[in-house]
Amino acid sequence: MKVQTEIKFVPTLLMFILLFNINFLPAQPIKLAWTPNGNPNVSHYGIYRADQIDSGFKLISTITHPESTYIDEKVLNGSHYYYVATSIDKQGNESGFSNMIDTMLIATPVSSTIFSVHKSDNHAILEWSVVSTINNFDFEVQRSDDNISSFRTIGFVAGKNPVSNDRAFKFVDKDLNKGRYYYRLKQIDDQGSYKYSEVLEVQIDLPQQFTLYQNFPNPFNSSTTIAYYLPQSSHVEVIIYNMNGQFVNRLIDEFQEKGQKSITWDGSDQERNMAPSGIYYYKIIVLDHTEYRRMVLIK
């Protein structure tokens, strides 16, 4: 929509046009920046993008005045993009385009990733491999609990092993509640550039009966987590024994409400002395059920 000539809007836009510029963020999203329009009648700005010089510009966002930056994260490495901006007044009248900014995104040196996720009991097992670990610095594991737009970081995995130079990686998201979870990897290279993997999902369903899970991690060095599911509220005992069947520690002896539960054992005995390396068993007594599982402490 053209700006009405009686509104002295376009001349004021000249400062905006002259100062509209572009910067690269370290991780490839594009940051657009400009000097806010000084006209008090300005309401917001329109950001337009074209993928080809001869194609039409499409509105990709509106920014409320006096904000003066916009980050375009929906870009692909190796692609060419063209940007222009407009000012829009409180009556909805829009100025002409600003100067055009164009840029070419160079593909980052981060290698491609093969990514998969599956469940084991109430754990989500993420596994991935890369073509090369030469430029890898770190993997940031991200999860969304309700939809694929609200990811948060839940862990980090080193991008390369200087000893074995392994190209296969694994991360376990343990003791999850019932629900659907979405995962993605943020793969970061040595220069700080990054890219995201595809988004994968997994459905966690809690059991209908009592379940004792294998401790994690196992073997373990400093501490391990024992998880179990109570289908109904009851009294619970969790006891640690050594490989000779001798009592080591009692972790739980109390009434608990139904649901997903867990307890951490730090490798100490009842007197808070650290137990030696070896094979141990954890025993759970709940309702009319008694069960043992084996674990290994390594120091």
C-alpha atoms as a PDB file:
ATOM      1  CA  MET A   1       0.000   0.000   0.000  1.00  0.00           C
ATOM      2  CA  LYS A   2       1.482   3.373  -1.019  1.00  0.00           C
ATOM      3  CA  VAL A   3       2.109   6.074   1.545  1.00  0.00           C
ATOM      4  CA  GLN A   4      -0.236   9.020   1.082  1.00  0.00           C
ATOM      5  CA  THR A   5       1.607  12.070  -0.210  1.00  0.00           C
ATOM      6  CA  GLU A   6       0.161  14.322   2.522  1.00  0.00           C
ATOM      7  CA  ILE A   7       1.931  12.180   5.127  1.00  0.00           C
ATOM      8  CA  LYS A   8       5.544  13.315   5.255  1.00  0.00           C
ATOM      9  CA  PHE A   9       6.754   9.786   5.715  1.00  0.00           C
ATOM     10  CA  VAL A  10       8.991   8.783   2.857  1.00  0.00           C
ATOM     11  CA  PRO A  11      11.526  11.637   3.268  1.00  0.00           C
ATOM     12  CA  THR A  12      12.019  10.698   6.910  1.00  0.00           C
ATOM     13  CA  LEU A  13      12.681   7.149   5.765  1.00  0.00           C
ATOM     14  CA  LEU A  14      15.897   8.292   4.092  1.00  0.00           C
ATOM     15  CA  MET A  15      17.847   7.929   7.352  1.00  0.00           C
ATOM     16  CA  PHE A  16      16.515   4.396   7.663  1.00  0.00           C
ATOM     17  CA  ILE A  17      17.456   3.586   4.084  1.00  0.00           C
ATOM     18  CA  LEU A  18      21.002   4.843   4.426  1.00  0.00           C
ATOM     19  CA  LEU A  19      21.677   2.980   7.647  1.00  0.00           C
ATOM     20  CA  PHE A  20      20.036  -0.351   6.869  1.00  0.00           C
ATOM     21  CA  ASN A  21      22.812  -2.920   7.015  1.00  0.00           C
ATOM     22  CA  ILE A  22      23.587  -6.573   7.558  1.00  0.00           C
ATOM     23  CA  ASN A  23      25.855  -8.548   9.876  1.00  0.00           C
ATOM     24  CA  PHE A  24      26.673 -12.242  10.132  1.00  0.00           C
ATOM     25  CA  LEU A  25      26.164 -13.917  13.453  1.00  0.00           C
ATOM     26  CA  PRO A  26      28.875 -16.484  14.245  1.00  0.00           C
ATOM     27  CA  ALA A  27      26.518 -19.384  13.653  1.00  0.00           C
ATOM     28  CA  GLN A  28      25.152 -18.365  10.243  1.00  0.00           C
ATOM     29  CA  PRO A  29      21.734 -16.838  11.038  1.00  0.00           C
ATOM     30  CA  ILE A  30      21.530 -13.362   9.494  1.00  0.00           C
ATOM     31  CA  LYS A  31      21.191 -10.245  11.641  1.00  0.00           C
ATOM     32  CA  LEU A  32      19.620  -7.173  10.043  1.00  0.00           C
ATOM     33  CA  ALA A  33      20.141  -3.818  11.762  1.00  0.00           C
ATOM     34  CA  TRP A  34      19.000  -0.260  11.111  1.00  0.00           C
ATOM     35  CA  THR A  35      18.612   3.137  12.776  1.00  0.00           C
ATOM     36  CA  PRO A  36      15.035   3.635  14.049  1.00  0.00           C
ATOM     37  CA  ASN A  37      12.949   6.057  12.015  1.00  0.00           C
ATOM     38  CA  GLY A  38      12.637   9.416  13.749  1.00  0.00           C
ATOM     39  CA  ASN A  39       9.090  10.090  12.557  1.00  0.00           C
ATOM     40  CA  PRO A  40       6.706   9.913  15.599  1.00  0.00           C
ATOM     41  CA  ASN A  41       3.997   8.464  13.353  1.00  0.00           C
ATOM     42  CA  VAL A  42       5.992   5.283  12.617  1.00  0.00           C
ATOM     43  CA  SER A  43       4.400   2.113  14.044  1.00  0.00           C
ATOM     44  CA  HIS A  44       6.575  -0.747  12.808  1.00  0.00           C
ATOM     45  CA  TYR A  45       8.900  -2.014  10.108  1.00  0.00           C
ATOM     46  CA  GLY A  46       8.409  -4.635   7.424  1.00  0.00           C
ATOM     47  CA  ILE A  47      11.251  -7.036   6.605  1.00  0.00           C
ATOM     48  CA  TYR A  48      11.163  -8.561   3.117  1.00  0.00           C
ATOM     49  CA  ARG A  49      13.305 -11.303   1.576  1.00  0.00           C
ATOM     50  CA  ALA A  50      13.856 -12.743  -1.895  1.00  0.00           C
ATOM     51  CA  ASP A  51      15.732 -15.925  -2.772  1.00  0.00           C
ATOM     52  CA  GLN A  52      16.617 -14.723  -6.284  1.00  0.00           C
ATOM     53  CA  ILE A  53      17.418 -11.270  -7.593  1.00  0.00           C
ATOM     54  CA  ASP A  54      14.626 -11.429 -10.173  1.00  0.00           C
ATOM     55  CA  SER A  55      11.989 -12.943  -7.857  1.00  0.00           C
ATOM     56  CA  GLY A  56       9.480 -10.976  -5.826  1.00  0.00           C
ATOM     57  CA  PHE A  57      10.193  -9.935  -2.237  1.00  0.00           C
ATOM     58  CA  LYS A  58       8.067 -11.640   0.419  1.00  0.00           C
ATOM     59  CA  LEU A  59       7.267 -10.230   3.856  1.00  0.00           C
ATOM     60  CA  ILE A  60       8.964 -12.459   6.464  1.00  0.00           C
ATOM     61  CA  SER A  61       8.438 -10.386   9.623  1.00  0.00           C
ATOM     62  CA  THR A  62       7.207  -7.123  11.106  1.00  0.00           C
ATOM     63  CA  ILE A  63       9.192  -5.409  13.853  1.00  0.00           C
ATOM     64  CA  THR A  64       7.566  -2.967  16.257  1.00  0.00           C
ATOM     65  CA  HIS A  65       9.103   0.518  16.385  1.00  0.00           C
ATOM     66  CA  PRO A  66      11.578   1.455  17.910  1.00  0.00           C
ATOM     67  CA  GLU A  67      13.169  -2.025  17.739  1.00  0.00           C
ATOM     68  CA  SER A  68      15.945  -1.907  15.161  1.00  0.00           C
ATOM     69  CA  THR A  69      17.199  -5.478  14.658  1.00  0.00           C
ATOM     70  CA  TYR A  70      15.865  -8.709  13.230  1.00  0.00           C
ATOM     71  CA  ILE A  71      17.507 -12.167  13.130  1.00  0.00           C
ATOM     72  CA  ASP A  72      16.581 -14.409  10.227  1.00  0.00           C
ATOM     73  CA  GLU A  73      17.237 -17.996  11.354  1.00  0.00           C
ATOM     74  CA  LYS A  74      15.363 -19.677   8.504  1.00  0.00           C
ATOM     75  CA  VAL A  75      18.293 -19.642   6.120  1.00  0.00           C
ATOM     76  CA  LEU A  76      20.321 -22.364   4.452  1.00  0.00           C
ATOM     77  CA  ASN A  77      24.069 -22.554   4.069  1.00  0.00           C
ATOM     78  CA  GLY A  78      25.227 -22.103   0.495  1.00  0.00           C
ATOM     79  CA  SER A  79      22.173 -19.958  -0.404  1.00  0.00           C
ATOM     80  CA  HIS A  80      21.904 -16.386  -1.694  1.00  0.00           C
ATOM     81  CA  TYR A  81      19.427 -13.990  -0.039  1.00  0.00           C
ATOM     82  CA  TYR A  82      18.254 -10.445  -0.750  1.00  0.00           C
ATOM     83  CA  TYR A  83      16.648  -8.152   1.841  1.00  0.00           C
ATOM     84  CA  VAL A  84      14.790  -4.832   1.863  1.00  0.00           C
ATOM     85  CA  ALA A  85      12.803  -3.041   4.574  1.00  0.00           C
ATOM     86  CA  THR A  86       9.918  -0.599   4.832  1.00  0.00           C
ATOM     87  CA  SER A  87       8.480   1.754   7.448  1.00  0.00           C
ATOM     88  CA  ILE A  88       4.781   1.567   8.248  1.00  0.00           C
ATOM     89  CA  ASP A  89       2.818   4.345   9.966  1.00  0.00           C
ATOM     90  CA  LYS A  90       0.029   4.076  12.548  1.00  0.00           C
ATOM     91  CA  GLN A  91      -2.626   4.271   9.821  1.00  0.00           C
ATOM     92  CA  GLY A  92      -1.124   1.289   7.997  1.00  0.00           C
ATOM     93  CA  ASN A  93       0.493   3.269   5.197  1.00  0.00           C
ATOM     94  CA  GLU A  94       3.765   1.725   4.024  1.00  0.00           C
ATOM     95  CA  SER A  95       6.815   3.414   2.543  1.00  0.00           C
ATOM     96  CA  GLY A  96       8.765   2.203  -0.434  1.00  0.00           C
ATOM     97  CA  PHE A  97      11.625  -0.270  -0.130  1.00  0.00           C
ATOM     98  CA  SER A  98      14.904   0.630   1.513  1.00  0.00           C
ATOM     99  CA  ASN A  99      18.216  -0.090  -0.159  1.00  0.00           C
ATOM    100  CA  MET A 100      18.682  -3.771  -0.999  1.00  0.00           C
ATOM    101  CA  ILE A 101      21.150  -5.938   0.922  1.00  0.00           C
ATOM    102  CA  ASP A 102      22.329  -9.231  -0.603  1.00  0.00           C
ATOM    103  CA  THR A 103      24.534 -11.940   0.814  1.00  0.00           C
ATOM    104  CA  MET A 104      25.750 -15.446   0.138  1.00  0.00           C
ATOM    105  CA  LEU A 105      25.930 -17.903   3.030  1.00  0.00           C
ATOM    106  CA  ILE A 106      29.015 -20.094   2.913  1.00  0.00           C
ATOM    107  CA  ALA A 107      28.435 -23.695   3.917  1.00  0.00           C
ATOM    108  CA  THR A 108      29.932 -24.381   7.332  1.00  0.00           C
ATOM    109  CA  PRO A 109      32.663 -26.991   7.736  1.00  0.00           C
ATOM    110  CA  VAL A 110      30.563 -29.000  10.189  1.00  0.00           C
ATOM    111  CA  SER A 111      30.156 -32.502   8.812  1.00  0.00           C
ATOM    112  CA  SER A 112      26.858 -34.224   8.119  1.00  0.00           C
ATOM    113  CA  THR A 113      25.127 -36.159  10.885  1.00  0.00           C
ATOM    114  CA  ILE A 114      23.124 -39.409  10.883  1.00  0.00           C
ATOM    115  CA  PHE A 115      20.754 -39.108  13.835  1.00  0.00           C
ATOM    116  CA  SER A 116      18.339 -41.592  15.456  1.00  0.00           C
ATOM    117  CA  VAL A 117      16.388 -41.924  18.692  1.00  0.00           C
ATOM    118  CA  HIS A 118      14.660 -44.883  20.361  1.00  0.00           C
ATOM    119  CA  LYS A 119      13.311 -45.687  23.816  1.00  0.00           C
ATOM    120  CA  SER A 120      14.337 -48.197  26.437  1.00  0.00           C
ATOM    121  CA  ASP A 121      11.969 -48.406  29.389  1.00  0.00           C
ATOM    122  CA  ASN A 122      11.441 -44.737  30.300  1.00  0.00           C
ATOM    123  CA  HIS A 123      14.711 -43.559  28.740  1.00  0.00           C
ATOM    124  CA  ALA A 124      15.207 -41.928  25.343  1.00  0.00           C
ATOM    125  CA  ILE A 125      18.398 -43.172  23.659  1.00  0.00           C
ATOM    126  CA  LEU A 126      19.897 -40.714  21.162  1.00  0.00           C
ATOM    127  CA  GLU A 127      22.587 -42.046  18.818  1.00  0.00           C
ATOM    128  CA  TRP A 128      24.318 -40.339  15.943  1.00  0.00           C
ATOM    129  CA  SER A 129      27.406 -40.579  13.763  1.00  0.00           C
ATOM    130  CA  VAL A 130      29.322 -38.110  11.610  1.00  0.00           C
ATOM    131  CA  VAL A 131      31.347 -38.386   8.438  1.00  0.00           C
ATOM    132  CA  SER A 132      34.340 -36.688  10.064  1.00  0.00           C
ATOM    133  CA  THR A 133      35.308 -35.416  13.516  1.00  0.00           C
ATOM    134  CA  ILE A 134      38.039 -33.076  12.232  1.00  0.00           C
ATOM    135  CA  ASN A 135      36.049 -29.852  12.721  1.00  0.00           C
ATOM    136  CA  ASN A 136      33.729 -31.068  15.474  1.00  0.00           C
ATOM    137  CA  PHE A 137      33.846 -29.157  18.731  1.00  0.00           C
ATOM    138  CA  ASP A 138      30.649 -29.981  20.587  1.00  0.00           C
ATOM    139  CA  PHE A 139      27.136 -31.403  20.267  1.00  0.00           C
ATOM    140  CA  GLU A 140      24.366 -29.624  22.129  1.00  0.00           C
ATOM    141  CA  VAL A 141      21.400 -31.926  22.786  1.00  0.00           C
ATOM    142  CA  GLN A 142      18.058 -30.105  22.777  1.00  0.00           C
ATOM    143  CA  ARG A 143      14.576 -31.307  23.727  1.00  0.00           C
ATOM    144  CA  SER A 144      11.037 -30.007  23.382  1.00  0.00           C
ATOM    145  CA  ASP A 145       8.437 -31.510  25.700  1.00  0.00           C
ATOM    146  CA  ASP A 146       5.261 -30.186  24.096  1.00  0.00           C
ATOM    147  CA  ASN A 147       5.934 -28.953  20.568  1.00  0.00           C
ATOM    148  CA  ILE A 148       8.796 -28.503  18.132  1.00  0.00           C
ATOM    149  CA  SER A 149       9.191 -24.745  18.640  1.00  0.00           C
ATOM    150  CA  SER A 150      10.273 -24.561  22.300  1.00  0.00           C
ATOM    151  CA  PHE A 151      13.568 -26.432  22.467  1.00  0.00           C
ATOM    152  CA  ARG A 152      15.855 -26.238  25.495  1.00  0.00           C
ATOM    153  CA  THR A 153      19.353 -27.601  26.033  1.00  0.00           C
ATOM    154  CA  ILE A 154      19.502 -30.765  28.170  1.00  0.00           C
ATOM    155  CA  GLY A 155      23.118 -31.825  27.696  1.00  0.00           C
ATOM    156  CA  PHE A 156      26.419 -31.619  25.850  1.00  0.00           C
ATOM    157  CA  VAL A 157      28.583 -34.246  24.185  1.00  0.00           C
ATOM    158  CA  ALA A 158      32.199 -33.605  23.180  1.00  0.00           C
ATOM    159  CA  GLY A 159      32.550 -33.536  19.407  1.00  0.00           C
ATOM    160  CA  LYS A 160      35.685 -35.642  19.160  1.00  0.00           C
ATOM    161  CA  ASN A 161      37.753 -38.080  21.158  1.00  0.00           C
ATOM    162  CA  PRO A 162      41.490 -37.258  20.838  1.00  0.00           C
ATOM    163  CA  VAL A 163      42.394 -40.864  21.642  1.00  0.00           C
ATOM    164  CA  SER A 164      40.088 -42.939  19.461  1.00  0.00           C
ATOM    165  CA  ASN A 165      38.688 -40.254  17.108  1.00  0.00           C
ATOM    166  CA  ASP A 166      35.325 -42.046  17.317  1.00  0.00           C
ATOM    167  CA  ARG A 167      32.639 -40.896  14.899  1.00  0.00           C
ATOM    168  CA  ALA A 168      29.718 -42.463  16.804  1.00  0.00           C
ATOM    169  CA  PHE A 169      28.051 -40.681  19.716  1.00  0.00           C
ATOM    170  CA  LYS A 170      25.348 -41.413  22.272  1.00  0.00           C
ATOM    171  CA  PHE A 171      23.252 -39.507  24.810  1.00  0.00           C
ATOM    172  CA  VAL A 172      20.631 -40.965  27.176  1.00  0.00           C
ATOM    173  CA  ASP A 173      17.750 -38.813  28.403  1.00  0.00           C
ATOM    174  CA  LYS A 174      16.679 -40.891  31.390  1.00  0.00           C
ATOM    175  CA  ASP A 175      13.730 -41.186  33.791  1.00  0.00           C
ATOM    176  CA  LEU A 176      11.186 -39.487  31.550  1.00  0.00           C
ATOM    177  CA  ASN A 177       7.532 -39.161  32.407  1.00  0.00           C
ATOM    178  CA  LYS A 178       4.813 -40.329  30.061  1.00  0.00           C
ATOM    179  CA  GLY A 179       4.518 -38.164  26.981  1.00  0.00           C
ATOM    180  CA  ARG A 180       5.854 -37.307  23.541  1.00  0.00           C
ATOM    181  CA  TYR A 181       9.299 -35.759  23.279  1.00  0.00           C
ATOM    182  CA  TYR A 182      11.102 -34.043  20.404  1.00  0.00           C
ATOM    183  CA  TYR A 183      14.893 -33.981  20.022  1.00  0.00           C
ATOM    184  CA  ARG A 184      17.434 -32.234  17.841  1.00  0.00           C
ATOM    185  CA  LEU A 185      21.220 -31.774  17.826  1.00  0.00           C
ATOM    186  CA  LYS A 186      23.046 -28.481  17.552  1.00  0.00           C
ATOM    187  CA  GLN A 187      26.370 -29.440  15.988  1.00  0.00           C
ATOM    188  CA  ILE A 188      29.121 -26.866  16.609  1.00  0.00           C
ATOM    189  CA  ASP A 189      32.449 -26.697  14.800  1.00  0.00           C
ATOM    190  CA  ASP A 190      35.852 -25.388  15.921  1.00  0.00           C
ATOM    191  CA  GLN A 191      35.137 -21.904  14.548  1.00  0.00           C
ATOM    192  CA  GLY A 192      31.826 -21.544  16.396  1.00  0.00           C
ATOM    193  CA  SER A 193      29.616 -22.169  13.366  1.00  0.00           C
ATOM    194  CA  TYR A 194      26.740 -24.569  13.878  1.00  0.00           C
ATOM    195  CA  LYS A 195      23.842 -26.318  12.247  1.00  0.00           C
ATOM    196  CA  TYR A 196      20.810 -28.233  13.525  1.00  0.00           C
ATOM    197  CA  SER A 197      19.950 -31.829  12.843  1.00  0.00           C
ATOM    198  CA  GLU A 198      16.499 -32.940  11.831  1.00  0.00           C
ATOM    199  CA  VAL A 199      13.892 -33.118  14.604  1.00  0.00           C
ATOM    200  CA  LEU A 200      13.033 -36.618  15.846  1.00  0.00           C
ATOM    201  CA  GLU A 201      10.289 -37.673  18.248  1.00  0.00           C
ATOM    202  CA  VAL A 202       9.702 -40.516  20.668  1.00  0.00           C
ATOM    203  CA  GLN A 203       6.659 -41.557  22.728  1.00  0.00           C
ATOM    204  CA  ILE A 204       7.280 -42.624  26.325  1.00  0.00           C
ATOM    205  CA  ASP A 205       4.550 -44.800  27.864  1.00  0.00           C
ATOM    206  CA  LEU A 206       4.709 -45.719  31.521  1.00  0.00           C
ATOM    207  CA  PRO A 207       4.080 -49.359  32.484  1.00  0.00           C
ATOM    208  CA  GLN A 208       0.808 -50.507  33.998  1.00  0.00           C
ATOM    209  CA  GLN A 209       2.540 -52.567  36.664  1.00  0.00           C
ATOM    210  CA  PHE A 210       5.526 -52.232  38.971  1.00  0.00           C
ATOM    211  CA  THR A 211       8.787 -51.878  37.040  1.00  0.00           C
ATOM    212  CA  LEU A 212      12.389 -51.765  38.260  1.00  0.00           C
ATOM    213  CA  TYR A 213      14.769 -50.281  35.709  1.00  0.00           C
ATOM    214  CA  GLN A 214      18.453 -50.985  35.206  1.00  0.00           C
ATOM    215  CA  ASN A 215      20.561 -48.402  37.002  1.00  0.00           C
ATOM    216  CA  PHE A 216      22.204 -45.719  34.886  1.00  0.00           C
ATOM    217  CA  PRO A 217      25.021 -45.315  34.234  1.00  0.00           C
ATOM    218  CA  ASN A 218      26.259 -48.879  34.589  1.00  0.00           C
ATOM    219  CA  PRO A 219      29.136 -49.464  35.125  1.00  0.00           C
ATOM    220  CA  PHE A 220      29.545 -46.229  37.091  1.00  0.00           C
ATOM    221  CA  ASN A 221      32.333 -44.355  38.809  1.00  0.00           C
ATOM    222  CA  SER A 222      30.991 -41.823  41.312  1.00  0.00           C
ATOM    223  CA  SER A 223      27.228 -42.243  41.378  1.00  0.00           C
ATOM    224  CA  THR A 224      24.358 -44.026  39.647  1.00  0.00           C
ATOM    225  CA  THR A 225      20.584 -43.636  39.526  1.00  0.00           C
ATOM    226  CA  ILE A 226      18.098 -46.414  40.303  1.00  0.00           C
ATOM    227  CA  ALA A 227      14.651 -45.790  38.834  1.00  0.00           C
ATOM    228  CA  TYR A 228      11.365 -47.628  39.285  1.00  0.00           C
ATOM    229  CA  TYR A 229       7.662 -47.155  38.661  1.00  0.00           C
ATOM    230  CA  LEU A 230       4.948 -47.577  41.313  1.00  0.00           C
ATOM    231  CA  PRO A 231       1.482 -48.346  39.902  1.00  0.00           C
ATOM    232  CA  GLN A 232       0.020 -47.477  43.304  1.00  0.00           C
ATOM    233  CA  SER A 233       1.166 -45.841  46.522  1.00  0.00           C
ATOM    234  CA  SER A 234       2.991 -48.214  48.846  1.00  0.00           C
ATOM    235  CA  HIS A 235       5.872 -48.728  51.246  1.00  0.00           C
ATOM    236  CA  VAL A 236       9.226 -49.053  49.436  1.00  0.00           C
ATOM    237  CA  GLU A 237      12.619 -50.415  50.460  1.00  0.00           C
ATOM    238  CA  VAL A 238      15.754 -50.180  48.320  1.00  0.00           C
ATOM    239  CA  ILE A 239      18.804 -52.011  49.697  1.00  0.00           C
ATOM    240  CA  ILE A 240      22.358 -52.403  48.359  1.00  0.00           C
ATOM    241  CA  TYR A 241      24.326 -55.670  48.772  1.00  0.00           C
ATOM    242  CA  ASN A 242      27.833 -56.620  47.687  1.00  0.00           C
ATOM    243  CA  MET A 243      28.546 -59.647  45.498  1.00  0.00           C
ATOM    244  CA  ASN A 244      28.776 -61.863  48.603  1.00  0.00           C
ATOM    245  CA  GLY A 245      25.273 -60.947  49.663  1.00  0.00           C
ATOM    246  CA  GLN A 246      26.449 -58.728  52.533  1.00  0.00           C
ATOM    247  CA  PHE A 247      24.440 -55.640  53.428  1.00  0.00           C
ATOM    248  CA  VAL A 248      26.014 -52.346  52.248  1.00  0.00           C
ATOM    249  CA  ASN A 249      23.419 -49.579  52.463  1.00  0.00           C
ATOM    250  CA  ARG A 250      19.689 -48.944  52.703  1.00  0.00           C
ATOM    251  CA  LEU A 251      18.701 -46.146  50.347  1.00  0.00           C
ATOM    252  CA  ILE A 252      14.942 -46.048  50.915  1.00  0.00           C
ATOM    253  CA  ASP A 253      12.614 -47.269  53.658  1.00  0.00           C
ATOM    254  CA  GLU A 254       9.465 -45.181  53.437  1.00  0.00           C
ATOM    255  CA  PHE A 255       5.946 -44.840  52.063  1.00  0.00           C
ATOM    256  CA  GLN A 256       5.805 -43.299  48.581  1.00  0.00           C
ATOM    257  CA  GLU A 257       3.040 -42.045  46.344  1.00  0.00           C
ATOM    258  CA  LYS A 258       2.471 -43.819  43.029  1.00  0.00           C
ATOM    259  CA  GLY A 259       4.355 -42.731  39.931  1.00  0.00           C
ATOM    260  CA  GLN A 260       7.834 -42.585  38.466  1.00  0.00           C
ATOM    261  CA  LYS A 261      10.544 -42.629  41.178  1.00  0.00           C
ATOM    262  CA  SER A 262      14.342 -42.639  41.358  1.00  0.00           C
ATOM    263  CA  ILE A 263      17.138 -42.649  43.920  1.00  0.00           C
ATOM    264  CA  THR A 264      20.868 -41.960  43.506  1.00  0.00           C
ATOM    265  CA  TRP A 265      23.546 -44.111  45.121  1.00  0.00           C
ATOM    266  CA  ASP A 266      26.918 -42.418  45.569  1.00  0.00           C
ATOM    267  CA  GLY A 267      28.814 -45.656  46.223  1.00  0.00           C
ATOM    268  CA  SER A 268      28.944 -45.249  50.004  1.00  0.00           C
ATOM    269  CA  ASP A 269      27.969 -47.724  52.725  1.00  0.00           C
ATOM    270  CA  GLN A 270      25.715 -47.169  55.744  1.00  0.00           C
ATOM    271  CA  GLU A 271      28.567 -45.383  57.621  1.00  0.00           C
ATOM    272  CA  ARG A 272      29.255 -43.083  54.646  1.00  0.00           C
ATOM    273  CA  ASN A 273      32.481 -44.891  53.786  1.00  0.00           C
ATOM    274  CA  MET A 274      33.115 -45.359  50.089  1.00  0.00           C
ATOM    275  CA  ALA A 275      32.595 -48.925  48.911  1.00  0.00           C
ATOM    276  CA  PRO A 276      35.399 -50.597  46.912  1.00  0.00           C
ATOM    277  CA  SER A 277      35.165 -51.364  43.211  1.00  0.00           C
ATOM    278  CA  GLY A 278      33.199 -54.481  42.393  1.00  0.00           C
ATOM    279  CA  ILE A 279      29.843 -56.030  41.618  1.00  0.00           C
ATOM    280  CA  TYR A 280      26.834 -54.943  43.673  1.00  0.00           C
ATOM    281  CA  TYR A 281      23.126 -55.723  43.716  1.00  0.00           C
ATOM    282  CA  TYR A 282      20.232 -53.437  44.472  1.00  0.00           C
ATOM    283  CA  LYS A 283      17.100 -54.986  45.903  1.00  0.00           C
ATOM    284  CA  ILE A 284      13.651 -53.429  45.960  1.00  0.00           C
ATOM    285  CA  ILE A 285      10.739 -54.554  48.125  1.00  0.00           C
ATOM    286  CA  VAL A 286       7.365 -53.091  47.222  1.00  0.00           C
ATOM    287  CA  LEU A 287       3.833 -54.430  47.664  1.00  0.00           C
ATOM    288  CA  ASP A 288       4.244 -58.214  47.355  1.00  0.00           C
ATOM    289  CA  HIS A 289       7.151 -57.872  44.962  1.00  0.00           C
ATOM    290  CA  THR A 290      10.892 -58.340  45.547  1.00  0.00           C
ATOM    291  CA  GLU A 291      13.434 -57.894  42.764  1.00  0.00           C
ATOM    292  CA  TYR A 292      17.218 -57.681  42.383  1.00  0.00           C
ATOM    293  CA  ARG A 293      19.394 -56.110  39.674  1.00  0.00           C
ATOM    294  CA  ARG A 294      23.149 -56.199  39.180  1.00  0.00           C
ATOM    295  CA  MET A 295      25.450 -53.164  38.849  1.00  0.00           C
ATOM    296  CA  VAL A 296      29.194 -52.512  38.683  1.00  0.00           C
ATOM    297  CA  LEU A 297      31.166 -49.862  40.592  1.00  0.00           C
ATOM    298  CA  ILE A 298      34.505 -48.915  39.008  1.00  0.00           C
ATOM    299  CA  LYS A 299      37.071 -46.592  40.583  1.00  0.00           C
END
